[in-house]
Structures are given as structure tokens and as C-alpha cells.
């Protein structure tokens, strides 16, 4: 198998992981809404989904269309970062339990989670998102995708974090 084929397999696994997240998120969102959860920030959600979808497409398209070479000295450490980001993401999901979803839904009366990675960081999942957004394209030298995604994601995260912080301000 070529390095591009392996990269396509990696990206396919990430797509499957994202689909699993969406299934879990939908279930958790329904749970939260059934308990009086209030959703905020709906406007930024579609662009966020689009940006993250384009990241995955951009990684493969750039590597294939521009015949990007796999550079082990870059690709292997970036693969480690991707795997660590996945671990952090799932640690966040496990820690938040049913309170985790991909939307901003706050259930009145539930306390803020302050265990797991939330002991040290207010938004640890976004550390995973940023790490993966830089590293996943660089696994196969798709540096344009890494730069464009990182810049657009930085802007989007300022909106998202502001929305979450405002929604969570009412939680004790």
C-alpha cells in the first residue's frame, strides 16, 4: 500500500469516529433537551460542521492533487499528536457523560463538571480540536489545509467559546 492509501485509511477512520460522535451527540442532546436544556449558538453550528468536514476532505484532496510526499520525520510525530488529540477528546466525552454533545445545550440545575481534564482546563476539547486540526493534515504534508483550517478554526473557536462561556455563566 502507498502512503497515500494509508493516509486515506486514517482519514476514513477519523470519519467513522466523527459519525460515532454525532450519533452519541444526538442521543445526549435529546437527553438534555428532555430535561429542560436550553440551546444557544445555533448560528455558528452549521459553519462549524462544514469547516470540520472540509478539513477531512482538504487533507486528502491536497495530498492527492498536489502529490504531497509523506515525510516520516513530520508525519509520524503528527500521527502521535492526532492519536493524543483523539484520546483527549474521548476523555472529555467520558468525563462529561450525558452532558456532552456537539451543540451548546445547558441543562438548568446541573453543576459544572470540574473533574477529568476540566480540572485543569476550561475547554480541553478545543485543545484536542486545535491539535488535530494542525496535525491531521501534516501527517501527509497537507500544509495548506493545516494553515487554512487553523486560521478559520481560530476565528470560529472565538465565537464558540464566547457562546459556551455565556451559556455556562448561569451554572454554579
N, C-alpha and C. Protein backbone atom coordinates (compact mmCIF):
# COMPACT_ATOMS: atom_id res chain seq x y z
N UNK A 1 0.84 -1.19 0.00
CA UNK A 1 0.00 0.00 0.00
C UNK A 1 0.88 1.24 0.00
N UNK A 2 0.44 2.25 -0.71
CA UNK A 2 1.17 3.50 -0.75
C UNK A 2 0.88 4.31 0.52
N UNK A 3 1.72 5.30 0.77
CA UNK A 3 1.49 6.15 1.94
C UNK A 3 0.18 6.92 1.81
N UNK A 4 -0.20 7.28 0.58
CA UNK A 4 -1.47 7.98 0.39
C UNK A 4 -2.66 7.07 0.71
N UNK A 5 -2.54 5.81 0.38
CA UNK A 5 -3.60 4.85 0.71
C UNK A 5 -3.74 4.73 2.22
N UNK A 6 -2.60 4.61 2.91
CA UNK A 6 -2.65 4.55 4.38
C UNK A 6 -3.27 5.82 4.96
N UNK A 7 -2.94 6.95 4.37
CA UNK A 7 -3.49 8.23 4.83
C UNK A 7 -5.01 8.25 4.61
N UNK A 8 -5.46 7.75 3.47
CA UNK A 8 -6.90 7.68 3.20
C UNK A 8 -7.59 6.78 4.22
N UNK A 9 -6.94 5.69 4.60
CA UNK A 9 -7.50 4.80 5.62
C UNK A 9 -7.59 5.55 6.95
N UNK A 10 -6.54 6.26 7.32
CA UNK A 10 -6.55 7.06 8.55
C UNK A 10 -7.71 8.06 8.53
N UNK A 11 -7.85 8.77 7.43
CA UNK A 11 -8.94 9.75 7.32
C UNK A 11 -10.30 9.06 7.37
N UNK A 12 -10.41 7.89 6.77
CA UNK A 12 -11.66 7.13 6.84
C UNK A 12 -11.99 6.76 8.28
N UNK A 13 -10.98 6.38 9.05
CA UNK A 13 -11.20 6.06 10.46
C UNK A 13 -11.64 7.30 11.24
N UNK A 14 -11.07 8.44 10.90
CA UNK A 14 -11.48 9.69 11.56
C UNK A 14 -12.94 10.02 11.19
N UNK A 15 -13.31 9.79 9.94
CA UNK A 15 -14.71 10.00 9.53
C UNK A 15 -15.63 9.09 10.35
N UNK A 16 -15.27 7.82 10.49
CA UNK A 16 -16.08 6.90 11.29
C UNK A 16 -16.18 7.36 12.74
N UNK A 17 -15.07 7.86 13.26
CA UNK A 17 -15.06 8.38 14.63
C UNK A 17 -16.01 9.57 14.75
N UNK A 18 -15.99 10.46 13.77
CA UNK A 18 -16.88 11.63 13.77
C UNK A 18 -18.34 11.21 13.70
N UNK A 19 -18.63 10.20 12.89
CA UNK A 19 -20.01 9.71 12.80
C UNK A 19 -20.46 9.13 14.14
N UNK A 20 -19.57 8.41 14.81
CA UNK A 20 -19.89 7.88 16.14
C UNK A 20 -20.15 9.03 17.12
N UNK A 21 -19.35 10.08 17.03
CA UNK A 21 -19.56 11.26 17.87
C UNK A 21 -20.94 11.87 17.61
N UNK A 22 -21.30 11.98 16.34
CA UNK A 22 -22.58 12.60 16.01
C UNK A 22 -23.76 11.78 16.52
N UNK A 23 -23.66 10.46 16.44
CA UNK A 23 -24.71 9.59 16.97
C UNK A 23 -24.83 9.80 18.49
N UNK A 24 -23.70 9.78 19.17
CA UNK A 24 -23.69 9.98 20.61
C UNK A 24 -24.18 11.38 20.97
N UNK A 25 -23.75 12.37 20.20
CA UNK A 25 -24.16 13.75 20.45
C UNK A 25 -25.67 13.91 20.32
N UNK A 26 -26.23 13.31 19.29
CA UNK A 26 -27.68 13.41 19.08
C UNK A 26 -28.43 12.80 20.26
N UNK A 27 -27.97 11.66 20.72
CA UNK A 27 -28.58 10.99 21.88
C UNK A 27 -28.47 11.86 23.13
N UNK A 28 -27.30 12.43 23.35
CA UNK A 28 -27.09 13.28 24.53
C UNK A 28 -27.87 14.58 24.43
N UNK A 29 -27.97 15.15 23.24
CA UNK A 29 -28.74 16.39 23.06
C UNK A 29 -30.21 16.13 23.36
N UNK A 30 -30.74 15.01 22.90
CA UNK A 30 -32.14 14.67 23.18
C UNK A 30 -32.34 14.51 24.69
N UNK A 31 -31.41 13.88 25.37
CA UNK A 31 -31.47 13.72 26.82
C UNK A 31 -31.51 15.09 27.50
N UNK A 32 -30.60 15.99 27.07
CA UNK A 32 -30.53 17.33 27.68
C UNK A 32 -31.80 18.14 27.42
N UNK A 33 -32.29 18.10 26.20
CA UNK A 33 -33.50 18.87 25.86
C UNK A 33 -34.72 18.33 26.60
N UNK A 34 -34.77 17.02 26.80
CA UNK A 34 -35.89 16.42 27.54
C UNK A 34 -35.89 16.84 29.00
N UNK A 35 -34.75 17.29 29.49
CA UNK A 35 -34.63 17.74 30.88
C UNK A 35 -34.63 19.26 30.98
N UNK A 36 -35.14 19.93 29.97
CA UNK A 36 -35.25 21.39 30.01
C UNK A 36 -34.02 22.12 29.54
N UNK A 37 -33.10 21.41 28.89
CA UNK A 37 -31.89 22.05 28.38
C UNK A 37 -32.21 23.16 27.41
N UNK A 38 -31.38 24.20 27.46
CA UNK A 38 -31.54 25.36 26.59
C UNK A 38 -30.35 25.42 25.64
N UNK A 39 -30.66 25.45 24.34
CA UNK A 39 -29.59 25.52 23.33
C UNK A 39 -29.33 26.97 22.96
N UNK A 40 -28.06 27.31 22.87
CA UNK A 40 -27.65 28.62 22.38
C UNK A 40 -26.61 28.43 21.28
N UNK A 41 -26.40 29.47 20.50
CA UNK A 41 -25.34 29.43 19.49
C UNK A 41 -25.65 28.60 18.26
N UNK A 42 -26.91 28.49 17.92
CA UNK A 42 -27.26 27.69 16.74
C UNK A 42 -26.64 28.22 15.45
N UNK A 43 -26.44 29.53 15.38
CA UNK A 43 -25.95 30.15 14.15
C UNK A 43 -24.56 29.70 13.74
N UNK A 44 -23.69 29.44 14.70
CA UNK A 44 -22.32 29.05 14.35
C UNK A 44 -22.18 27.55 14.12
N UNK A 45 -23.20 26.77 14.45
CA UNK A 45 -23.08 25.31 14.35
C UNK A 45 -22.93 24.82 12.90
N UNK A 46 -23.78 25.24 11.96
CA UNK A 46 -23.58 24.78 10.57
C UNK A 46 -22.21 25.14 9.99
N UNK A 47 -21.70 26.37 10.19
CA UNK A 47 -20.34 26.63 9.69
C UNK A 47 -19.28 25.75 10.36
N UNK A 48 -19.48 25.42 11.64
CA UNK A 48 -18.53 24.56 12.34
C UNK A 48 -18.53 23.16 11.72
N UNK A 49 -19.70 22.62 11.46
CA UNK A 49 -19.80 21.30 10.83
C UNK A 49 -19.17 21.33 9.44
N UNK A 50 -19.45 22.37 8.68
CA UNK A 50 -18.88 22.49 7.35
C UNK A 50 -17.36 22.58 7.40
N UNK A 51 -16.83 23.40 8.30
CA UNK A 51 -15.38 23.55 8.40
C UNK A 51 -14.70 22.23 8.76
N UNK A 52 -15.27 21.51 9.70
CA UNK A 52 -14.67 20.24 10.11
C UNK A 52 -14.79 19.17 9.01
N UNK A 53 -15.86 19.22 8.24
CA UNK A 53 -16.00 18.31 7.11
C UNK A 53 -14.98 18.65 6.03
N UNK A 54 -14.80 19.94 5.77
CA UNK A 54 -13.84 20.37 4.76
C UNK A 54 -12.40 20.07 5.17
N UNK A 55 -12.14 20.04 6.48
CA UNK A 55 -10.81 19.65 6.94
C UNK A 55 -10.47 18.25 6.44
N UNK A 56 -11.40 17.33 6.63
CA UNK A 56 -11.15 15.95 6.23
C UNK A 56 -11.00 15.82 4.72
N UNK A 57 -11.87 16.50 3.99
CA UNK A 57 -11.75 16.48 2.52
C UNK A 57 -10.48 17.16 2.05
N UNK A 58 -10.15 18.29 2.68
CA UNK A 58 -8.96 19.04 2.29
C UNK A 58 -7.68 18.26 2.51
N UNK A 59 -7.63 17.52 3.61
CA UNK A 59 -6.43 16.71 3.89
C UNK A 59 -6.12 15.77 2.73
N UNK A 60 -7.14 15.03 2.33
CA UNK A 60 -6.93 14.03 1.27
C UNK A 60 -6.77 14.70 -0.10
N UNK A 61 -7.59 15.70 -0.36
CA UNK A 61 -7.52 16.36 -1.67
C UNK A 61 -6.16 17.00 -1.89
N UNK A 62 -5.65 17.70 -0.89
CA UNK A 62 -4.34 18.34 -1.06
C UNK A 62 -3.23 17.30 -1.23
N UNK A 63 -3.25 16.27 -0.42
CA UNK A 63 -2.21 15.24 -0.53
C UNK A 63 -2.23 14.57 -1.90
N UNK A 64 -3.43 14.34 -2.42
CA UNK A 64 -3.57 13.65 -3.70
C UNK A 64 -3.33 14.60 -4.88
N UNK A 65 -4.03 15.75 -4.90
CA UNK A 65 -3.94 16.66 -6.05
C UNK A 65 -2.55 17.27 -6.22
N UNK A 66 -1.88 17.55 -5.10
CA UNK A 66 -0.57 18.18 -5.17
C UNK A 66 0.57 17.18 -4.95
N UNK A 67 0.20 15.90 -4.95
CA UNK A 67 1.18 14.83 -4.83
C UNK A 67 2.13 15.07 -3.66
N UNK A 68 1.52 15.38 -2.50
CA UNK A 68 2.31 15.64 -1.30
C UNK A 68 3.04 14.37 -0.88
N UNK A 69 4.27 14.54 -0.54
CA UNK A 69 5.09 13.41 -0.12
C UNK A 69 4.89 13.14 1.37
N UNK A 70 4.88 11.88 1.75
CA UNK A 70 4.87 11.54 3.16
C UNK A 70 6.30 11.69 3.67
N UNK A 71 6.47 12.54 4.66
CA UNK A 71 7.78 12.76 5.26
C UNK A 71 7.76 12.17 6.67
N UNK A 72 8.41 11.04 6.87
CA UNK A 72 8.33 10.37 8.18
C UNK A 72 8.70 11.27 9.36
N UNK A 73 9.71 12.13 9.18
CA UNK A 73 10.14 13.00 10.27
C UNK A 73 9.03 13.97 10.70
N UNK A 74 8.09 14.26 9.79
CA UNK A 74 6.96 15.13 10.10
C UNK A 74 5.71 14.29 10.36
N UNK A 75 5.44 13.36 9.48
CA UNK A 75 4.19 12.60 9.53
C UNK A 75 4.02 11.74 10.77
N UNK A 76 5.08 11.10 11.20
CA UNK A 76 4.96 10.21 12.37
C UNK A 76 4.70 10.98 13.67
N UNK A 77 5.44 12.07 13.95
CA UNK A 77 5.08 12.85 15.15
C UNK A 77 3.68 13.46 15.06
N UNK A 78 3.26 13.84 13.86
CA UNK A 78 1.92 14.41 13.71
C UNK A 78 0.86 13.33 13.94
N UNK A 79 1.14 12.10 13.54
CA UNK A 79 0.22 11.00 13.82
C UNK A 79 0.08 10.79 15.32
N UNK A 80 1.17 10.91 16.05
CA UNK A 80 1.11 10.80 17.51
C UNK A 80 0.23 11.91 18.08
N UNK A 81 0.38 13.12 17.57
CA UNK A 81 -0.47 14.24 18.04
C UNK A 81 -1.94 13.95 17.74
N UNK A 82 -2.23 13.43 16.56
CA UNK A 82 -3.61 13.08 16.21
C UNK A 82 -4.16 12.06 17.19
N UNK A 83 -3.39 11.04 17.49
CA UNK A 83 -3.84 10.00 18.42
C UNK A 83 -4.04 10.56 19.83
N UNK A 84 -3.13 11.42 20.27
CA UNK A 84 -3.28 12.05 21.57
C UNK A 84 -4.52 12.95 21.61
N UNK A 85 -4.78 13.65 20.51
CA UNK A 85 -5.97 14.50 20.42
C UNK A 85 -7.24 13.66 20.53
N UNK A 86 -7.24 12.51 19.87
CA UNK A 86 -8.40 11.62 19.96
C UNK A 86 -8.59 11.13 21.40
N UNK A 87 -7.49 10.79 22.05
CA UNK A 87 -7.57 10.37 23.44
C UNK A 87 -8.13 11.46 24.34
N UNK A 88 -7.65 12.68 24.15
CA UNK A 88 -8.16 13.81 24.95
C UNK A 88 -9.63 14.05 24.65
N UNK A 89 -10.01 14.00 23.38
CA UNK A 89 -11.41 14.21 23.00
C UNK A 89 -12.32 13.20 23.70
N UNK A 90 -11.95 11.92 23.66
CA UNK A 90 -12.79 10.90 24.28
C UNK A 90 -12.74 10.94 25.80
N UNK A 91 -11.65 11.45 26.36
CA UNK A 91 -11.59 11.67 27.81
C UNK A 91 -12.60 12.76 28.19
N UNK A 92 -12.66 13.81 27.38
CA UNK A 92 -13.65 14.88 27.60
C UNK A 92 -15.07 14.32 27.51
N UNK A 93 -15.33 13.54 26.49
CA UNK A 93 -16.66 12.97 26.29
C UNK A 93 -17.04 12.08 27.46
N UNK A 94 -16.12 11.22 27.88
CA UNK A 94 -16.39 10.33 29.00
C UNK A 94 -16.61 11.11 30.29
N UNK A 95 -15.82 12.16 30.50
CA UNK A 95 -15.94 12.96 31.71
C UNK A 95 -17.28 13.69 31.77
N UNK A 96 -17.71 14.26 30.66
CA UNK A 96 -18.97 15.00 30.64
C UNK A 96 -20.19 14.07 30.62
N UNK A 97 -19.99 12.84 30.16
CA UNK A 97 -21.11 11.90 30.12
C UNK A 97 -22.25 12.45 29.27
N UNK A 98 -23.45 12.34 29.78
CA UNK A 98 -24.62 12.79 29.01
C UNK A 98 -24.65 14.30 28.79
N UNK A 99 -23.85 15.02 29.52
CA UNK A 99 -23.81 16.48 29.31
C UNK A 99 -23.01 16.86 28.06
N UNK A 100 -22.28 15.92 27.47
CA UNK A 100 -21.50 16.22 26.28
C UNK A 100 -22.38 16.09 25.04
N UNK A 101 -22.26 17.06 24.15
CA UNK A 101 -22.78 16.95 22.79
C UNK A 101 -22.07 18.00 21.96
N UNK A 102 -22.31 18.01 20.67
CA UNK A 102 -21.60 18.94 19.79
C UNK A 102 -22.26 20.30 19.71
N UNK A 103 -23.37 20.46 20.38
CA UNK A 103 -24.07 21.75 20.43
C UNK A 103 -23.83 22.38 21.79
N UNK A 104 -24.33 23.57 21.98
CA UNK A 104 -24.22 24.24 23.28
C UNK A 104 -25.60 24.15 23.93
N UNK A 105 -25.77 23.15 24.79
CA UNK A 105 -27.04 22.93 25.49
C UNK A 105 -26.73 22.85 26.98
N UNK A 106 -27.36 23.73 27.74
CA UNK A 106 -27.16 23.75 29.18
C UNK A 106 -28.46 23.32 29.84
N UNK A 107 -28.35 22.31 30.71
CA UNK A 107 -29.50 21.83 31.47
C UNK A 107 -29.51 22.56 32.80
N UNK A 108 -30.58 23.32 33.07
CA UNK A 108 -30.66 24.04 34.35
C UNK A 108 -30.55 23.08 35.53
N UNK A 109 -29.80 23.51 36.53
CA UNK A 109 -29.68 22.71 37.74
C UNK A 109 -28.49 21.76 37.77
N UNK A 110 -27.91 21.48 36.61
CA UNK A 110 -26.73 20.59 36.61
C UNK A 110 -25.48 21.43 36.88
N UNK A 111 -24.60 20.95 37.75
CA UNK A 111 -23.39 21.71 38.06
C UNK A 111 -22.36 21.60 36.94
N UNK A 112 -21.44 22.56 36.93
CA UNK A 112 -20.31 22.47 36.01
C UNK A 112 -19.47 21.25 36.35
N UNK A 113 -18.97 20.61 35.34
CA UNK A 113 -18.08 19.46 35.55
C UNK A 113 -16.68 20.02 35.81
N UNK A 114 -16.09 19.58 36.89
CA UNK A 114 -14.76 20.07 37.27
C UNK A 114 -13.79 18.91 37.55
N UNK A 115 -14.02 17.79 36.90
CA UNK A 115 -13.13 16.64 37.06
C UNK A 115 -12.53 16.29 35.70
N UNK A 116 -11.72 15.24 35.69
CA UNK A 116 -11.08 14.85 34.44
C UNK A 116 -10.23 16.00 33.91
N UNK A 117 -10.20 16.19 32.61
CA UNK A 117 -9.38 17.28 32.05
C UNK A 117 -9.92 18.67 32.41
N UNK A 118 -11.17 18.72 32.88
CA UNK A 118 -11.78 20.00 33.25
C UNK A 118 -11.24 20.52 34.58
N UNK A 119 -10.45 19.70 35.28
CA UNK A 119 -9.76 20.17 36.48
C UNK A 119 -8.73 21.22 36.13
N UNK A 120 -8.13 21.08 34.95
CA UNK A 120 -7.02 21.94 34.57
C UNK A 120 -7.37 22.95 33.49
N UNK A 121 -8.31 22.62 32.64
CA UNK A 121 -8.65 23.49 31.50
C UNK A 121 -10.16 23.69 31.44
N UNK A 122 -10.55 24.89 31.06
CA UNK A 122 -11.98 25.18 30.93
C UNK A 122 -12.57 24.51 29.68
N UNK A 123 -11.80 24.46 28.61
CA UNK A 123 -12.28 23.90 27.34
C UNK A 123 -11.26 22.92 26.77
N UNK A 124 -11.02 21.80 27.44
CA UNK A 124 -9.99 20.87 26.95
C UNK A 124 -10.31 20.25 25.59
N UNK A 125 -11.58 20.11 25.26
CA UNK A 125 -11.92 19.53 23.97
C UNK A 125 -11.37 20.38 22.82
N UNK A 126 -11.32 21.70 23.03
CA UNK A 126 -10.82 22.56 21.96
C UNK A 126 -9.31 22.47 21.83
N UNK A 127 -8.62 22.06 22.88
CA UNK A 127 -7.19 21.75 22.75
C UNK A 127 -7.04 20.57 21.79
N UNK A 128 -7.91 19.57 21.93
CA UNK A 128 -7.89 18.42 21.04
C UNK A 128 -8.22 18.84 19.61
N UNK A 129 -9.22 19.69 19.44
CA UNK A 129 -9.62 20.16 18.11
C UNK A 129 -8.47 20.90 17.43
N UNK A 130 -7.83 21.80 18.16
CA UNK A 130 -6.72 22.57 17.58
C UNK A 130 -5.55 21.65 17.24
N UNK A 131 -5.21 20.76 18.17
CA UNK A 131 -4.11 19.83 17.90
C UNK A 131 -4.37 18.97 16.68
N UNK A 132 -5.58 18.43 16.61
CA UNK A 132 -5.91 17.59 15.47
C UNK A 132 -5.95 18.41 14.17
N UNK A 133 -6.47 19.62 14.24
CA UNK A 133 -6.58 20.46 13.04
C UNK A 133 -5.24 20.81 12.44
N UNK A 134 -4.24 20.94 13.27
CA UNK A 134 -2.89 21.19 12.78
C UNK A 134 -2.24 19.88 12.33
N UNK A 135 -2.35 18.85 13.16
CA UNK A 135 -1.58 17.62 12.95
C UNK A 135 -2.13 16.72 11.85
N UNK A 136 -3.46 16.57 11.77
CA UNK A 136 -4.02 15.63 10.80
C UNK A 136 -3.59 15.95 9.36
N UNK A 137 -3.67 17.20 8.92
CA UNK A 137 -3.18 17.48 7.56
C UNK A 137 -1.68 17.24 7.41
N UNK A 138 -0.93 17.54 8.47
CA UNK A 138 0.53 17.42 8.36
C UNK A 138 1.02 15.98 8.41
N UNK A 139 0.15 15.04 8.77
CA UNK A 139 0.54 13.62 8.69
C UNK A 139 1.01 13.30 7.27
N UNK A 140 0.36 13.92 6.28
CA UNK A 140 0.78 13.68 4.88
C UNK A 140 1.12 14.99 4.18
N UNK A 141 1.70 15.92 4.93
CA UNK A 141 2.27 17.16 4.39
C UNK A 141 1.26 18.07 3.70
N UNK A 142 0.01 18.02 4.12
CA UNK A 142 -1.02 18.91 3.55
C UNK A 142 -1.00 20.24 4.33
N UNK A 143 0.07 20.99 4.13
CA UNK A 143 0.31 22.19 4.93
C UNK A 143 -0.66 23.32 4.62
N UNK A 144 -1.15 23.43 3.40
CA UNK A 144 -2.12 24.48 3.08
C UNK A 144 -3.41 24.24 3.85
N UNK A 145 -3.86 23.00 3.87
CA UNK A 145 -5.06 22.65 4.63
C UNK A 145 -4.86 22.95 6.10
N UNK A 146 -3.69 22.63 6.64
CA UNK A 146 -3.40 22.90 8.05
C UNK A 146 -3.49 24.40 8.35
N UNK A 147 -2.92 25.22 7.49
CA UNK A 147 -2.92 26.67 7.71
C UNK A 147 -4.33 27.24 7.59
N UNK A 148 -5.04 26.88 6.52
CA UNK A 148 -6.38 27.42 6.29
C UNK A 148 -7.34 26.99 7.39
N UNK A 149 -7.32 25.69 7.72
CA UNK A 149 -8.21 25.22 8.78
C UNK A 149 -7.89 25.91 10.10
N UNK A 150 -6.62 26.00 10.44
CA UNK A 150 -6.24 26.61 11.72
C UNK A 150 -6.70 28.05 11.81
N UNK A 151 -6.54 28.80 10.74
CA UNK A 151 -6.96 30.20 10.76
C UNK A 151 -8.48 30.32 10.88
N UNK A 152 -9.21 29.57 10.08
CA UNK A 152 -10.68 29.64 10.15
C UNK A 152 -11.21 29.09 11.46
N UNK A 153 -10.58 28.03 11.95
CA UNK A 153 -11.00 27.44 13.21
C UNK A 153 -10.73 28.37 14.38
N UNK A 154 -9.64 29.11 14.33
CA UNK A 154 -9.34 30.08 15.41
C UNK A 154 -10.46 31.11 15.51
N UNK A 155 -10.90 31.61 14.36
CA UNK A 155 -12.00 32.58 14.36
C UNK A 155 -13.27 31.92 14.90
N UNK A 156 -13.58 30.74 14.41
CA UNK A 156 -14.80 30.04 14.82
C UNK A 156 -14.76 29.69 16.31
N UNK A 157 -13.60 29.30 16.81
CA UNK A 157 -13.50 28.97 18.23
C UNK A 157 -13.71 30.18 19.13
N UNK A 158 -13.34 31.37 18.67
CA UNK A 158 -13.60 32.54 19.50
C UNK A 158 -15.11 32.74 19.66
N UNK A 159 -15.86 32.49 18.60
CA UNK A 159 -17.33 32.57 18.66
C UNK A 159 -17.86 31.46 19.55
N UNK A 160 -17.39 30.26 19.34
CA UNK A 160 -17.89 29.09 20.08
C UNK A 160 -17.60 29.21 21.58
N UNK A 161 -16.38 29.56 21.93
CA UNK A 161 -16.01 29.66 23.34
C UNK A 161 -16.77 30.79 24.02
N UNK A 162 -16.93 31.91 23.34
CA UNK A 162 -17.71 33.01 23.90
C UNK A 162 -19.15 32.55 24.14
N UNK A 163 -19.73 31.83 23.19
CA UNK A 163 -21.09 31.31 23.33
C UNK A 163 -21.19 30.36 24.51
N UNK A 164 -20.24 29.42 24.61
CA UNK A 164 -20.26 28.47 25.72
C UNK A 164 -20.08 29.17 27.07
N UNK A 165 -19.13 30.08 27.13
CA UNK A 165 -18.90 30.78 28.40
C UNK A 165 -20.12 31.57 28.85
N UNK A 166 -20.81 32.19 27.91
CA UNK A 166 -22.03 32.93 28.24
C UNK A 166 -23.11 31.96 28.72
N UNK A 167 -23.27 30.85 28.02
CA UNK A 167 -24.29 29.87 28.41
C UNK A 167 -23.98 29.25 29.77
N UNK A 168 -22.71 29.00 30.05
CA UNK A 168 -22.32 28.36 31.30
C UNK A 168 -22.24 29.33 32.48
N UNK A 169 -22.31 30.63 32.20
CA UNK A 169 -22.18 31.62 33.27
C UNK A 169 -23.30 31.47 34.32
N UNK A 170 -24.43 30.97 33.91
CA UNK A 170 -25.55 30.81 34.84
C UNK A 170 -25.45 29.55 35.69
N UNK A 171 -24.48 28.68 35.35
CA UNK A 171 -24.33 27.40 36.06
C UNK A 171 -23.40 27.62 37.24
N UNK A 172 -23.78 27.10 38.38
CA UNK A 172 -22.95 27.27 39.57
C UNK A 172 -21.82 26.28 39.62
